[in-house]
Structure formats: structure tokens, C-alpha cells
Amino acid sequence: MLSRAAFLWRLGRSFLVTVGIVVVSLLIGSCGYHFFGPMPWIDALLNSSMILTGMGPVDSMKTDAGKLFATFYALYGGIAFLTLVAVMLAPVLHRVMHKFHLDDSDE
């Protein structure tokens, strides 16, 4: 079994990966809403963060390109959420599976 320090390092690395995915996702969403919307940057950030959290858009899109972007970004947001959960839970589930498969003599 991995030591507690190594496990926490692995968990921290997973957290940093999820933060990176969130930042990139917000950047993609903000740019898309800003350029295809067109929306001011702060409104674009608000819309992209609301989509990523699953709460839904705040402002509706006026252009066809904006509506298409919002459609695909919403689909991406759902997949991104599932990916974030998987990345964060992977080290924990990996450790739990090892714990169940250890013999008493292996500890």
C-alpha cells in the first residue's frame, strides 16, 4: 500500500489536474460567449461558470453562431463534470481497492 504522504501527493496532483481542467473550460466558455454571443467578458465568464456547474445559462444567445456554441459548450460541460469527478475520485478508489485486496500479512 502506498504511504499516506505518497497518497496525499497523488490526491493533490489530481486536484491540480481538475483545477487546470476547470480553468481551461472557463477560458473556452468565456471566449466562446464573448466572441459568439457577443457578451461582455464578465457576462461571458458568468455564463460559462453557470453552465459548468450545471445551473444553466444566465443570458440567452442572440446569434445563430452563439446558439450553436452554447449547445456544444453545454454538452462539453456535462462531460467535463464527469471527467472532473473521475479524476478526483481515481486515487481514492484506487486506494480503497488496494485496501480490500491486501492480506493481513501485507500491511
PDB file of N, CA and C in Angstrom:
ATOM      1  N   MET A   1       0.860  -1.183   0.000  1.00  0.00           N
ATOM      2  CA  MET A   1       0.000   0.000   0.000  1.00  0.00           C
ATOM      3  C   MET A   1       0.898   1.235   0.000  1.00  0.00           C
ATOM      4  N   LEU A   2       0.453   2.218  -0.737  1.00  0.00           N
ATOM      5  CA  LEU A   2       1.158   3.496  -0.822  1.00  0.00           C
ATOM      6  C   LEU A   2       1.132   4.193   0.535  1.00  0.00           C
ATOM      7  N   SER A   3       2.208   4.858   0.878  1.00  0.00           N
ATOM      8  CA  SER A   3       2.242   5.581   2.155  1.00  0.00           C
ATOM      9  C   SER A   3       1.242   6.734   2.120  1.00  0.00           C
ATOM     10  N   ARG A   4       0.894   7.214   3.301  1.00  0.00           N
ATOM     11  CA  ARG A   4      -0.073   8.309   3.393  1.00  0.00           C
ATOM     12  C   ARG A   4       0.452   9.553   2.674  1.00  0.00           C
ATOM     13  N   ALA A   5       1.730   9.838   2.821  1.00  0.00           N
ATOM     14  CA  ALA A   5       2.316  11.012   2.167  1.00  0.00           C
ATOM     15  C   ALA A   5       2.257  10.886   0.644  1.00  0.00           C
ATOM     16  N   ALA A   6       2.560   9.711   0.129  1.00  0.00           N
ATOM     17  CA  ALA A   6       2.510   9.491  -1.324  1.00  0.00           C
ATOM     18  C   ALA A   6       1.072   9.563  -1.827  1.00  0.00           C
ATOM     19  N   PHE A   7       0.144   9.026  -1.019  1.00  0.00           N
ATOM     20  CA  PHE A   7      -1.270   9.103  -1.393  1.00  0.00           C
ATOM     21  C   PHE A   7      -1.739  10.559  -1.440  1.00  0.00           C
ATOM     22  N   LEU A   8      -1.372  11.343  -0.433  1.00  0.00           N
ATOM     23  CA  LEU A   8      -1.766  12.753  -0.419  1.00  0.00           C
ATOM     24  C   LEU A   8      -1.139  13.511  -1.586  1.00  0.00           C
ATOM     25  N   TRP A   9       0.090  13.158  -1.958  1.00  0.00           N
ATOM     26  CA  TRP A   9       0.733  13.771  -3.124  1.00  0.00           C
ATOM     27  C   TRP A   9      -0.060  13.437  -4.390  1.00  0.00           C
ATOM     28  N   ARG A  10      -0.448  12.185  -4.519  1.00  0.00           N
ATOM     29  CA  ARG A  10      -1.240  11.761  -5.678  1.00  0.00           C
ATOM     30  C   ARG A  10      -2.596  12.462  -5.706  1.00  0.00           C
ATOM     31  N   LEU A  11      -3.223  12.600  -4.546  1.00  0.00           N
ATOM     32  CA  LEU A  11      -4.503  13.286  -4.449  1.00  0.00           C
ATOM     33  C   LEU A  11      -4.351  14.770  -4.797  1.00  0.00           C
ATOM     34  N   GLY A  12      -3.274  15.381  -4.328  1.00  0.00           N
ATOM     35  CA  GLY A  12      -3.013  16.786  -4.658  1.00  0.00           C
ATOM     36  C   GLY A  12      -2.771  16.980  -6.141  1.00  0.00           C
ATOM     37  N   ARG A  13      -2.065  16.047  -6.749  1.00  0.00           N
ATOM     38  CA  ARG A  13      -1.828  16.108  -8.194  1.00  0.00           C
ATOM     39  C   ARG A  13      -3.133  16.000  -8.968  1.00  0.00           C
ATOM     40  N   SER A  14      -4.035  15.139  -8.511  1.00  0.00           N
ATOM     41  CA  SER A  14      -5.346  15.024  -9.149  1.00  0.00           C
ATOM     42  C   SER A  14      -6.136  16.313  -8.997  1.00  0.00           C
ATOM     43  N   PHE A  15      -6.036  16.930  -7.823  1.00  0.00           N
ATOM     44  CA  PHE A  15      -6.715  18.201  -7.603  1.00  0.00           C
ATOM     45  C   PHE A  15      -6.188  19.275  -8.552  1.00  0.00           C
ATOM     46  N   LEU A  16      -4.870  19.314  -8.733  1.00  0.00           N
ATOM     47  CA  LEU A  16      -4.289  20.305  -9.647  1.00  0.00           C
ATOM     48  C   LEU A  16      -4.736  20.063 -11.086  1.00  0.00           C
ATOM     49  N   VAL A  17      -4.865  18.803 -11.467  1.00  0.00           N
ATOM     50  CA  VAL A  17      -5.367  18.488 -12.812  1.00  0.00           C
ATOM     51  C   VAL A  17      -6.800  18.987 -12.965  1.00  0.00           C
ATOM     52  N   THR A  18      -7.625  18.780 -11.943  1.00  0.00           N
ATOM     53  CA  THR A  18      -9.014  19.249 -12.038  1.00  0.00           C
ATOM     54  C   THR A  18      -9.080  20.773 -12.083  1.00  0.00           C
ATOM     55  N   VAL A  19      -8.233  21.440 -11.323  1.00  0.00           N
ATOM     56  CA  VAL A  19      -8.196  22.903 -11.378  1.00  0.00           C
ATOM     57  C   VAL A  19      -7.797  23.354 -12.781  1.00  0.00           C
ATOM     58  N   GLY A  20      -6.837  22.676 -13.372  1.00  0.00           N
ATOM     59  CA  GLY A  20      -6.430  23.004 -14.742  1.00  0.00           C
ATOM     60  C   GLY A  20      -7.561  22.816 -15.737  1.00  0.00           C
ATOM     61  N   ILE A  21      -8.300  21.730 -15.601  1.00  0.00           N
ATOM     62  CA  ILE A  21      -9.431  21.475 -16.497  1.00  0.00           C
ATOM     63  C   ILE A  21     -10.495  22.554 -16.326  1.00  0.00           C
ATOM     64  N   VAL A  22     -10.753  22.954 -15.088  1.00  0.00           N
ATOM     65  CA  VAL A  22     -11.751  23.996 -14.836  1.00  0.00           C
ATOM     66  C   VAL A  22     -11.309  25.320 -15.442  1.00  0.00           C
ATOM     67  N   VAL A  23     -10.045  25.676 -15.257  1.00  0.00           N
ATOM     68  CA  VAL A  23      -9.541  26.948 -15.798  1.00  0.00           C
ATOM     69  C   VAL A  23      -9.631  26.959 -17.318  1.00  0.00           C
ATOM     70  N   VAL A  24      -9.199  25.869 -17.947  1.00  0.00           N
ATOM     71  CA  VAL A  24      -9.266  25.790 -19.415  1.00  0.00           C
ATOM     72  C   VAL A  24     -10.715  25.822 -19.882  1.00  0.00           C
ATOM     73  N   SER A  25     -11.586  25.122 -19.181  1.00  0.00           N
ATOM     74  CA  SER A  25     -13.005  25.106 -19.549  1.00  0.00           C
ATOM     75  C   SER A  25     -13.631  26.488 -19.430  1.00  0.00           C
ATOM     76  N   LEU A  26     -13.300  27.207 -18.357  1.00  0.00           N
ATOM     77  CA  LEU A  26     -13.813  28.568 -18.204  1.00  0.00           C
ATOM     78  C   LEU A  26     -13.265  29.490 -19.280  1.00  0.00           C
ATOM     79  N   LEU A  27     -12.010  29.297 -19.634  1.00  0.00           N
ATOM     80  CA  LEU A  27     -11.404  30.102 -20.692  1.00  0.00           C
ATOM     81  C   LEU A  27     -12.094  29.855 -22.033  1.00  0.00           C
ATOM     82  N   ILE A  28     -12.320  28.592 -22.362  1.00  0.00           N
ATOM     83  CA  ILE A  28     -13.017  28.251 -23.605  1.00  0.00           C
ATOM     84  C   ILE A  28     -14.425  28.846 -23.605  1.00  0.00           C
ATOM     85  N   GLY A  29     -15.145  28.649 -22.503  1.00  0.00           N
ATOM     86  CA  GLY A  29     -16.512  29.150 -22.416  1.00  0.00           C
ATOM     87  C   GLY A  29     -16.588  30.663 -22.470  1.00  0.00           C
ATOM     88  N   SER A  30     -15.703  31.332 -21.741  1.00  0.00           N
ATOM     89  CA  SER A  30     -15.706  32.792 -21.732  1.00  0.00           C
ATOM     90  C   SER A  30     -15.405  33.360 -23.110  1.00  0.00           C
ATOM     91  N   CYS A  31     -14.413  32.795 -23.773  1.00  0.00           N
ATOM     92  CA  CYS A  31     -14.082  33.264 -25.132  1.00  0.00           C
ATOM     93  C   CYS A  31     -15.231  33.002 -26.097  1.00  0.00           C
ATOM     94  N   GLY A  32     -15.827  31.821 -25.989  1.00  0.00           N
ATOM     95  CA  GLY A  32     -16.939  31.496 -26.882  1.00  0.00           C
ATOM     96  C   GLY A  32     -18.132  32.409 -26.683  1.00  0.00           C
ATOM     97  N   TYR A  33     -18.503  32.621 -25.441  1.00  0.00           N
ATOM     98  CA  TYR A  33     -19.633  33.510 -25.168  1.00  0.00           C
ATOM     99  C   TYR A  33     -19.315  34.954 -25.542  1.00  0.00           C
ATOM    100  N   HIS A  34     -18.070  35.354 -25.347  1.00  0.00           N
ATOM    101  CA  HIS A  34     -17.688  36.729 -25.674  1.00  0.00           C
ATOM    102  C   HIS A  34     -17.706  36.966 -27.196  1.00  0.00           C
ATOM    103  N   PHE A  35     -17.112  36.043 -27.942  1.00  0.00           N
ATOM    104  CA  PHE A  35     -16.974  36.261 -29.382  1.00  0.00           C
ATOM    105  C   PHE A  35     -18.194  35.833 -30.182  1.00  0.00           C
ATOM    106  N   PHE A  36     -18.877  34.767 -29.754  1.00  0.00           N
ATOM    107  CA  PHE A  36     -20.044  34.303 -30.493  1.00  0.00           C
ATOM    108  C   PHE A  36     -21.329  34.919 -29.977  1.00  0.00           C
ATOM    109  N   GLY A  37     -21.322  35.402 -28.725  1.00  0.00           N
ATOM    110  CA  GLY A  37     -22.509  35.917 -28.045  1.00  0.00           C
ATOM    111  C   GLY A  37     -23.166  37.096 -28.712  1.00  0.00           C
ATOM    112  N   PRO A  38     -22.565  38.170 -28.941  1.00  0.00           N
ATOM    113  CA  PRO A  38     -21.396  38.681 -28.215  1.00  0.00           C
ATOM    114  C   PRO A  38     -21.818  39.213 -26.853  1.00  0.00           C
ATOM    115  N   MET A  39     -21.012  38.910 -25.837  1.00  0.00           N
ATOM    116  CA  MET A  39     -21.288  39.348 -24.474  1.00  0.00           C
ATOM    117  C   MET A  39     -20.060  40.041 -23.910  1.00  0.00           C
ATOM    118  N   PRO A  40     -20.250  40.940 -22.965  1.00  0.00           N
ATOM    119  CA  PRO A  40     -19.089  41.483 -22.247  1.00  0.00           C
ATOM    120  C   PRO A  40     -18.363  40.346 -21.511  1.00  0.00           C
ATOM    121  N   TRP A  41     -17.087  40.538 -21.246  1.00  0.00           N
ATOM    122  CA  TRP A  41     -16.278  39.477 -20.650  1.00  0.00           C
ATOM    123  C   TRP A  41     -16.855  38.965 -19.335  1.00  0.00           C
ATOM    124  N   ILE A  42     -17.324  39.856 -18.483  1.00  0.00           N
ATOM    125  CA  ILE A  42     -17.829  39.417 -17.178  1.00  0.00           C
ATOM    126  C   ILE A  42     -19.092  38.579 -17.327  1.00  0.00           C
ATOM    127  N   ASP A  43     -19.961  38.938 -18.274  1.00  0.00           N
ATOM    128  CA  ASP A  43     -21.166  38.141 -18.527  1.00  0.00           C
ATOM    129  C   ASP A  43     -20.808  36.796 -19.160  1.00  0.00           C
ATOM    130  N   ALA A  44     -19.798  36.808 -20.018  1.00  0.00           N
ATOM    131  CA  ALA A  44     -19.346  35.563 -20.645  1.00  0.00           C
ATOM    132  C   ALA A  44     -18.783  34.607 -19.594  1.00  0.00           C
ATOM    133  N   LEU A  45     -18.011  35.143 -18.651  1.00  0.00           N
ATOM    134  CA  LEU A  45     -17.480  34.316 -17.568  1.00  0.00           C
ATOM    135  C   LEU A  45     -18.608  33.776 -16.694  1.00  0.00           C
ATOM    136  N   LEU A  46     -19.572  34.613 -16.384  1.00  0.00           N
ATOM    137  CA  LEU A  46     -20.714  34.176 -15.584  1.00  0.00           C
ATOM    138  C   LEU A  46     -21.476  33.058 -16.281  1.00  0.00           C
ATOM    139  N   ASN A  47     -21.764  33.227 -17.557  1.00  0.00           N
ATOM    140  CA  ASN A  47     -22.494  32.190 -18.296  1.00  0.00           C
ATOM    141  C   ASN A  47     -21.705  30.889 -18.351  1.00  0.00           C
ATOM    142  N   SER A  48     -20.411  30.976 -18.631  1.00  0.00           N
ATOM    143  CA  SER A  48     -19.627  29.744 -18.740  1.00  0.00           C
ATOM    144  C   SER A  48     -19.520  29.041 -17.390  1.00  0.00           C
ATOM    145  N   SER A  49     -19.387  29.789 -16.306  1.00  0.00           N
ATOM    146  CA  SER A  49     -19.310  29.137 -14.996  1.00  0.00           C
ATOM    147  C   SER A  49     -20.654  28.525 -14.604  1.00  0.00           C
ATOM    148  N   MET A  50     -21.733  29.175 -14.957  1.00  0.00           N
ATOM    149  CA  MET A  50     -23.050  28.624 -14.644  1.00  0.00           C
ATOM    150  C   MET A  50     -23.325  27.342 -15.432  1.00  0.00           C
ATOM    151  N   ILE A  51     -22.880  27.301 -16.682  1.00  0.00           N
ATOM    152  CA  ILE A  51     -23.036  26.081 -17.481  1.00  0.00           C
ATOM    153  C   ILE A  51     -22.196  24.954 -16.887  1.00  0.00           C
ATOM    154  N   LEU A  52     -20.953  25.254 -16.508  1.00  0.00           N
ATOM    155  CA  LEU A  52     -20.076  24.212 -15.961  1.00  0.00           C
ATOM    156  C   LEU A  52     -20.589  23.651 -14.643  1.00  0.00           C
ATOM    157  N   THR A  53     -21.279  24.464 -13.859  1.00  0.00           N
ATOM    158  CA  THR A  53     -21.812  23.954 -12.591  1.00  0.00           C
ATOM    159  C   THR A  53     -23.157  23.271 -12.755  1.00  0.00           C
ATOM    160  N   GLY A  54     -23.714  23.316 -13.954  1.00  0.00           N
ATOM    161  CA  GLY A  54     -24.978  22.649 -14.222  1.00  0.00           C
ATOM    162  C   GLY A  54     -26.201  23.481 -13.863  1.00  0.00           C
ATOM    163  N   MET A  55     -26.013  24.746 -13.585  1.00  0.00           N
ATOM    164  CA  MET A  55     -27.140  25.587 -13.194  1.00  0.00           C
ATOM    165  C   MET A  55     -27.858  26.199 -14.389  1.00  0.00           C
ATOM    166  N   GLY A  56     -27.214  26.209 -15.539  1.00  0.00           N
ATOM    167  CA  GLY A  56     -27.847  26.744 -16.733  1.00  0.00           C
ATOM    168  C   GLY A  56     -27.397  28.155 -17.040  1.00  0.00           C
ATOM    169  N   PRO A  57     -27.679  28.597 -18.257  1.00  0.00           N
ATOM    170  CA  PRO A  57     -27.206  29.918 -18.678  1.00  0.00           C
ATOM    171  C   PRO A  57     -27.974  31.047 -17.992  1.00  0.00           C
ATOM    172  N   VAL A  58     -27.314  32.191 -17.894  1.00  0.00           N
ATOM    173  CA  VAL A  58     -27.933  33.382 -17.318  1.00  0.00           C
ATOM    174  C   VAL A  58     -28.563  34.205 -18.429  1.00  0.00           C
ATOM    175  N   ASP A  59     -27.791  34.467 -19.483  1.00  0.00           N
ATOM    176  CA  ASP A  59     -28.258  35.251 -20.624  1.00  0.00           C
ATOM    177  C   ASP A  59     -28.435  34.340 -21.828  1.00  0.00           C
ATOM    178  N   SER A  60     -29.445  34.628 -22.631  1.00  0.00           N
ATOM    179  CA  SER A  60     -29.649  33.842 -23.838  1.00  0.00           C
ATOM    180  C   SER A  60     -28.787  34.395 -24.968  1.00  0.00           C
ATOM    181  N   MET A  61     -28.485  33.530 -25.896  1.00  0.00           N
ATOM    182  CA  MET A  61     -27.664  33.914 -27.041  1.00  0.00           C
ATOM    183  C   MET A  61     -28.565  34.508 -28.119  1.00  0.00           C
ATOM    184  N   LYS A  62     -28.061  35.511 -28.799  1.00  0.00           N
ATOM    185  CA  LYS A  62     -28.858  36.221 -29.818  1.00  0.00           C
ATOM    186  C   LYS A  62     -28.542  35.748 -31.241  1.00  0.00           C
ATOM    187  N   THR A  63     -27.304  35.309 -31.476  1.00  0.00           N
ATOM    188  CA  THR A  63     -26.894  34.918 -32.827  1.00  0.00           C
ATOM    189  C   THR A  63     -26.981  33.408 -32.993  1.00  0.00           C
ATOM    190  N   ASP A  64     -27.064  32.973 -34.253  1.00  0.00           N
ATOM    191  CA  ASP A  64     -27.083  31.536 -34.520  1.00  0.00           C
ATOM    192  C   ASP A  64     -25.768  30.882 -34.117  1.00  0.00           C
ATOM    193  N   ALA A  65     -24.656  31.563 -34.410  1.00  0.00           N
ATOM    194  CA  ALA A  65     -23.345  31.026 -34.020  1.00  0.00           C
ATOM    195  C   ALA A  65     -23.260  30.903 -32.500  1.00  0.00           C
ATOM    196  N   GLY A  66     -23.790  31.877 -31.795  1.00  0.00           N
ATOM    197  CA  GLY A  66     -23.796  31.832 -30.336  1.00  0.00           C
ATOM    198  C   GLY A  66     -24.637  30.693 -29.799  1.00  0.00           C
ATOM    199  N   LYS A  67     -25.764  30.447 -30.435  1.00  0.00           N
ATOM    200  CA  LYS A  67     -26.632  29.354 -30.002  1.00  0.00           C
ATOM    201  C   LYS A  67     -25.965  27.999 -30.240  1.00  0.00           C
ATOM    202  N   LEU A  68     -25.285  27.875 -31.377  1.00  0.00           N
ATOM    203  CA  LEU A  68     -24.551  26.630 -31.638  1.00  0.00           C
ATOM    204  C   LEU A  68     -23.424  26.444 -30.631  1.00  0.00           C
ATOM    205  N   PHE A  69     -22.690  27.521 -30.352  1.00  0.00           N
ATOM    206  CA  PHE A  69     -21.627  27.419 -29.356  1.00  0.00           C
ATOM    207  C   PHE A  69     -22.210  27.011 -28.002  1.00  0.00           C
ATOM    208  N   ALA A  70     -23.293  27.643 -27.587  1.00  0.00           N
ATOM    209  CA  ALA A  70     -23.903  27.338 -26.285  1.00  0.00           C
ATOM    210  C   ALA A  70     -24.350  25.878 -26.222  1.00  0.00           C
ATOM    211  N   THR A  71     -24.855  25.359 -27.329  1.00  0.00           N
ATOM    212  CA  THR A  71     -25.272  23.956 -27.381  1.00  0.00           C
ATOM    213  C   THR A  71     -24.102  23.028 -27.131  1.00  0.00           C
ATOM    214  N   PHE A  72     -23.016  23.236 -27.878  1.00  0.00           N
ATOM    215  CA  PHE A  72     -21.869  22.345 -27.748  1.00  0.00           C
ATOM    216  C   PHE A  72     -21.125  22.559 -26.434  1.00  0.00           C
ATOM    217  N   TYR A  73     -21.120  23.777 -25.934  1.00  0.00           N
ATOM    218  CA  TYR A  73     -20.474  24.037 -24.655  1.00  0.00           C
ATOM    219  C   TYR A  73     -21.250  23.378 -23.512  1.00  0.00           C
ATOM    220  N   ALA A  74     -22.561  23.365 -23.597  1.00  0.00           N
ATOM    221  CA  ALA A  74     -23.360  22.690 -22.574  1.00  0.00           C
ATOM    222  C   ALA A  74     -23.081  21.189 -22.575  1.00  0.00           C
ATOM    223  N   LEU A  75     -22.973  20.594 -23.762  1.00  0.00           N
ATOM    224  CA  LEU A  75     -22.627  19.168 -23.851  1.00  0.00           C
ATOM    225  C   LEU A  75     -21.225  18.928 -23.298  1.00  0.00           C
ATOM    226  N   TYR A  76     -20.299  19.808 -23.651  1.00  0.00           N
ATOM    227  CA  TYR A  76     -18.933  19.705 -23.141  1.00  0.00           C
ATOM    228  C   TYR A  76     -18.923  19.840 -21.615  1.00  0.00           C
ATOM    229  N   GLY A  77     -19.727  20.754 -21.084  1.00  0.00           N
ATOM    230  CA  GLY A  77     -19.769  20.962 -19.648  1.00  0.00           C
ATOM    231  C   GLY A  77     -20.181  19.711 -18.888  1.00  0.00           C
ATOM    232  N   GLY A  78     -21.139  18.983 -19.413  1.00  0.00           N
ATOM    233  CA  GLY A  78     -21.555  17.731 -18.780  1.00  0.00           C
ATOM    234  C   GLY A  78     -20.451  16.700 -18.779  1.00  0.00           C
ATOM    235  N   ILE A  79     -19.761  16.583 -19.897  1.00  0.00           N
ATOM    236  CA  ILE A  79     -18.648  15.637 -19.993  1.00  0.00           C
ATOM    237  C   ILE A  79     -17.498  16.083 -19.104  1.00  0.00           C
ATOM    238  N   ALA A  80     -17.226  17.379 -19.072  1.00  0.00           N
ATOM    239  CA  ALA A  80     -16.152  17.902 -18.223  1.00  0.00           C
ATOM    240  C   ALA A  80     -16.442  17.617 -16.755  1.00  0.00           C
ATOM    241  N   PHE A  81     -17.693  17.765 -16.336  1.00  0.00           N
ATOM    242  CA  PHE A  81     -18.050  17.488 -14.945  1.00  0.00           C
ATOM    243  C   PHE A  81     -17.778  16.029 -14.597  1.00  0.00           C
ATOM    244  N   LEU A  82     -18.196  15.126 -15.459  1.00  0.00           N
ATOM    245  CA  LEU A  82     -17.944  13.700 -15.208  1.00  0.00           C
ATOM    246  C   LEU A  82     -16.452  13.402 -15.170  1.00  0.00           C
ATOM    247  N   THR A  83     -15.692  14.048 -16.041  1.00  0.00           N
ATOM    248  CA  THR A  83     -14.245  13.858 -16.061  1.00  0.00           C
ATOM    249  C   THR A  83     -13.615  14.356 -14.765  1.00  0.00           C
ATOM    250  N   LEU A  84     -14.065  15.512 -14.287  1.00  0.00           N
ATOM    251  CA  LEU A  84     -13.518  16.058 -13.042  1.00  0.00           C
ATOM    252  C   LEU A  84     -13.796  15.129 -11.861  1.00  0.00           C
ATOM    253  N   VAL A  85     -14.987  14.595 -11.806  1.00  0.00           N
ATOM    254  CA  VAL A  85     -15.318  13.665 -10.726  1.00  0.00           C
ATOM    255  C   VAL A  85     -14.430  12.422 -10.816  1.00  0.00           C
ATOM    256  N   ALA A  86     -14.236  11.900 -12.010  1.00  0.00           N
ATOM    257  CA  ALA A  86     -13.405  10.708 -12.187  1.00  0.00           C
ATOM    258  C   ALA A  86     -11.957  10.975 -11.806  1.00  0.00           C
ATOM    259  N   VAL A  87     -11.420  12.108 -12.206  1.00  0.00           N
ATOM    260  CA  VAL A  87     -10.024  12.432 -11.889  1.00  0.00           C
ATOM    261  C   VAL A  87      -9.843  12.591 -10.384  1.00  0.00           C
ATOM    262  N   MET A  88     -10.801  13.217  -9.711  1.00  0.00           N
ATOM    263  CA  MET A  88     -10.678  13.414  -8.267  1.00  0.00           C
ATOM    264  C   MET A  88     -10.884  12.116  -7.479  1.00  0.00           C
ATOM    265  N   LEU A  89     -11.773  11.262  -7.950  1.00  0.00           N
ATOM    266  CA  LEU A  89     -12.052  10.029  -7.214  1.00  0.00           C
ATOM    267  C   LEU A  89     -11.081   8.892  -7.522  1.00  0.00           C
ATOM    268  N   ALA A  90     -10.356   8.968  -8.609  1.00  0.00           N
ATOM    269  CA  ALA A  90      -9.480   7.868  -9.014  1.00  0.00           C
ATOM    270  C   ALA A  90      -8.473   7.475  -7.928  1.00  0.00           C
ATOM    271  N   PRO A  91      -7.725   8.422  -7.337  1.00  0.00           N
ATOM    272  CA  PRO A  91      -6.778   7.989  -6.298  1.00  0.00           C
ATOM    273  C   PRO A  91      -7.461   7.385  -5.069  1.00  0.00           C
ATOM    274  N   VAL A  92      -8.616   7.924  -4.713  1.00  0.00           N
ATOM    275  CA  VAL A  92      -9.334   7.410  -3.545  1.00  0.00           C
ATOM    276  C   VAL A  92      -9.829   5.993  -3.817  1.00  0.00           C
ATOM    277  N   LEU A  93     -10.459   5.798  -4.969  1.00  0.00           N
ATOM    278  CA  LEU A  93     -10.964   4.465  -5.307  1.00  0.00           C
ATOM    279  C   LEU A  93      -9.824   3.464  -5.483  1.00  0.00           C
ATOM    280  N   HIS A  94      -8.725   3.916  -6.027  1.00  0.00           N
ATOM    281  CA  HIS A  94      -7.556   3.057  -6.188  1.00  0.00           C
ATOM    282  C   HIS A  94      -7.045   2.596  -4.827  1.00  0.00           C
ATOM    283  N   ARG A  95      -6.986   3.509  -3.880  1.00  0.00           N
ATOM    284  CA  ARG A  95      -6.532   3.161  -2.528  1.00  0.00           C
ATOM    285  C   ARG A  95      -7.520   2.212  -1.847  1.00  0.00           C
ATOM    286  N   VAL A  96      -8.815   2.463  -2.007  1.00  0.00           N
ATOM    287  CA  VAL A  96      -9.826   1.595  -1.392  1.00  0.00           C
ATOM    288  C   VAL A  96      -9.733   0.188  -1.970  1.00  0.00           C
ATOM    289  N   MET A  97      -9.547   0.090  -3.279  1.00  0.00           N
ATOM    290  CA  MET A  97      -9.433  -1.240  -3.897  1.00  0.00           C
ATOM    291  C   MET A  97      -8.200  -1.972  -3.384  1.00  0.00           C
ATOM    292  N   HIS A  98      -7.090  -1.271  -3.215  1.00  0.00           N
ATOM    293  CA  HIS A  98      -5.889  -1.903  -2.661  1.00  0.00           C
ATOM    294  C   HIS A  98      -6.128  -2.335  -1.218  1.00  0.00           C
ATOM    295  N   LYS A  99      -6.841  -1.524  -0.458  1.00  0.00           N
ATOM    296  CA  LYS A  99      -7.118  -1.856   0.942  1.00  0.00           C
ATOM    297  C   LYS A  99      -7.928  -3.143   1.041  1.00  0.00           C
ATOM    298  N   PHE A 100      -8.908  -3.307   0.152  1.00  0.00           N
ATOM    299  CA  PHE A 100      -9.738  -4.511   0.181  1.00  0.00           C
ATOM    300  C   PHE A 100      -8.960  -5.753  -0.250  1.00  0.00           C
ATOM    301  N   HIS A 101      -7.955  -5.574  -1.070  1.00  0.00           N
ATOM    302  CA  HIS A 101      -7.230  -6.722  -1.601  1.00  0.00           C
ATOM    303  C   HIS A 101      -5.959  -7.043  -0.834  1.00  0.00           C
ATOM    304  N   LEU A 102      -5.651  -6.301   0.183  1.00  0.00           N
ATOM    305  CA  LEU A 102      -4.473  -6.607   0.996  1.00  0.00           C
ATOM    306  C   LEU A 102      -4.769  -7.743   1.964  1.00  0.00           C
ATOM    307  N   ASP A 103      -3.808  -8.633   2.117  1.00  0.00           N
ATOM    308  CA  ASP A 103      -3.905  -9.639   3.179  1.00  0.00           C
ATOM    309  C   ASP A 103      -3.427  -8.977   4.468  1.00  0.00           C
ATOM    310  N   ASP A 104      -3.777  -9.557   5.578  1.00  0.00           N
ATOM    311  CA  ASP A 104      -3.327  -9.008   6.857  1.00  0.00           C
ATOM    312  C   ASP A 104      -1.808  -9.024   6.960  1.00  0.00           C
ATOM    313  N   SER A 105      -1.157  -9.973   6.328  1.00  0.00           N
ATOM    314  CA  SER A 105       0.308 -10.065   6.395  1.00  0.00           C
ATOM    315  C   SER A 105       0.991  -9.040   5.488  1.00  0.00           C
ATOM    316  N   ASP A 106       0.256  -8.444   4.511  1.00  0.00           N
ATOM    317  CA  ASP A 106       0.844  -7.487   3.574  1.00  0.00           C
ATOM    318  C   ASP A 106       0.971  -6.096   4.154  1.00  0.00           C
ATOM    319  N   GLU A 107       0.284  -5.806   5.234  1.00  0.00           N
ATOM    320  CA  GLU A 107       0.318  -4.456   5.795  1.00  0.00           C
ATOM    321  C   GLU A 107       1.639  -4.246   6.445  1.00  0.00           C
TER     322      GLU A 107
END
